[in-house]
Amino acid sequence: MTQVPLLSLKSLTKNFGGIAATNDISLDVAAGSITAVIGPNGAGKTTLFNLVAGFYRTDKGRIELNGQDITNRPPDQIASRGLIRTFQLVRPFAQMTAFENVLVGFHLQTRGDLLSAIIRPRWLQEQERRIREKAAQLLDMVGLGVQMDTPALSLTYGQQRLLEIARALAAKPLLLMLDEPAAGLTSQETAQLARLIKIIRDQGISILLIEHDIELVMGIADTVCVLDFGRKIANGTPTQVRKDPAVITAYLGPVDTKKSLANV
């Protein structure tokens, strides 16, 4: 019996002013996998992410999560189904501490109303205790445990990236979408990020990421999808993609296609 992909994109097309930002792109993301989307600037990667997360409406195509159609649903409905994303630009709540930022991420996991907030029944107190405990665990997981009381704005850029991931994990995603998570990171921070992404995958959370750091992608991804001018030009394992002539040309221009991306 064929296993249904966790995420299935079918012929996604999005036009802006007559220009196809994504053109008939299909892609499956298997449960428990790390899938990377790469390509030169302007290839359509972020547009693809925005379509999947509900920030753009598709002109054509279908998006399925766990076999259920989520095409053109609002972002909040998509998030409530377990698809959570981060953004290219880090967006912490600057005046909140790292701990408070992660607490915000639990809003999809909480229940309560105005009355319960006033009388504070025992179940609400227990819910708050569990959430605070889990928030601390997530900060430890991403390496920010000792900074939990630090205002987000006082964290380094790399630490803010990690905080954003911790906040996204608080929503208990089935699929975590990371938009250029290594952008602006040092080599040491990128290595830490690679380890973290593998840990997240090993906990049963699937990863779909956009990334320009080819070395990072080739070191962690199970599957690599390559876009160029809005079209998918390759899809396969890192080894297959490294040697694909169309991929080499897209990144390096018309060169000897016997070469690979090993040193790019």
Foldseek 3Di string as FASTA:
>chain_A
DDDAAQKWWAQFWDDDPNATLAGGDIDGHHFLFEEEEEFDPSLNVVVVVCQQQQVDATPDTFMDGNNHTCHNPHNVVSLLVFEFEDDPDQDFPQQQFLLVSLLVLQPSVDDDDPVCVVVVDPVNVVVVVVSSVLSLVLCVLLPNNVRRRPGLNPDDPLVSLSSRVSSRCSSVHLEYEYEASCPPPDPVSLVSVLVSVNVCSVVRRYYYYYHPPLVSCLVRGQKYWYGGSNYTDDIGHSVVLQLDQVNCCRVPNDDDSRHGPPPD
